[in-house]
Amino acid sequence: MLEFFRGPIKTIISHGDVDGIASAAIALRRFPEAEVFFAEPYTLSDVLYSAVKPILVLDIACKPGEGVYVIDHHIVDAPANTFLMKDWPEATDFLVGLGLAADRRTEVTDPAVKVKATLLGDAIGLRPDDVEFRKTLVKILSSGREEFPEEVYVRATAYREEFSKRLAYARSLVREFGQSAMVVYVDIGKGFAGKLASVMGNDYRTFVLVWKNDGKTIVTVRGENAKAIVEFFKNVDVKFCSGGGHDMAASFSTDRSPASVAKDLTILLSTLSSRLAEAVTR
């Protein structure tokens, strides 16, 4: 992999979370002239369409192609994307650890790195469409600095206050299906959806969050069957737009209404719950 990425890269497209930002910082250290963009699994196709090749895609499941190279830990089931880049000379222990800590891996033992990963995640969640803030963070981290600017702390504090309110409201919307659950929270907000799904996902074997972003219905899944649920809708939903992920965390977008998608999810989660109950009683 090291020799493969010696050539020039003009565009870096990375996931906008902490692991993605740390991965982009490592890549920018090697390709300082490259332009950095961010994407979600359900927006990647649009970003790729207008990007200049050669392109390096980081931390998002994507099929490699001519002039498109991919480093994604979801594909190979590695603990974090920075972990796949740890042997690059440009990869510092701090950047690798930041990605691992953000994905809550036990490989990180330094409590300071864990605190900074959480801090950074909350800061970028407050205004998720602030691309320039993410790009600034990538440049800071690629320079070798490990201290965050004061704005990171200010944003993280505001985010945590707002997140606690939205989490409390989301808990009042839970619809349970045995050991699975779903919440339809249309205006949860892009910066809060992923963390809310992860936090509430700790309480269930499968947790599904249905929300809206940029006019599209987004389904975020955590826990067992996450990727299978995305693949199911990919095959049966004629208005399926895009999506991806791995076995325990995935998402997709569709042009259908949240109510319509929730109706199908109700049937799907009920079926999964019934089959699980039957398996237990056998």
Foldseek 3Di string as FASTA:
>chain_A
DQVVPLDAFAEEEFALAQLRLLVLLLVCLNHVNHDYHYDAQACVVVVVVPDDFLYEYFQHDDDDDVSYHYQHCQVVVDQFSLVVVCPHPLRDPLSSLLRNLLSPHPVRDDVVSNVVSLLQLLLCLQPVVPGVVSVVSSVCVSVVDDDDDPSSNVSSVVSVVVLVVLLVVQVVQWDDQAQEIEGEDAPSGPSNVVVSQVVVVVRGQKYWYWYDDPQKIKIKIFHACRQVVVVVCVVVPPQWRGWGGHGGIIMTIGNDDSVVVVVVVVVVSNVVSVVVVVVVVD
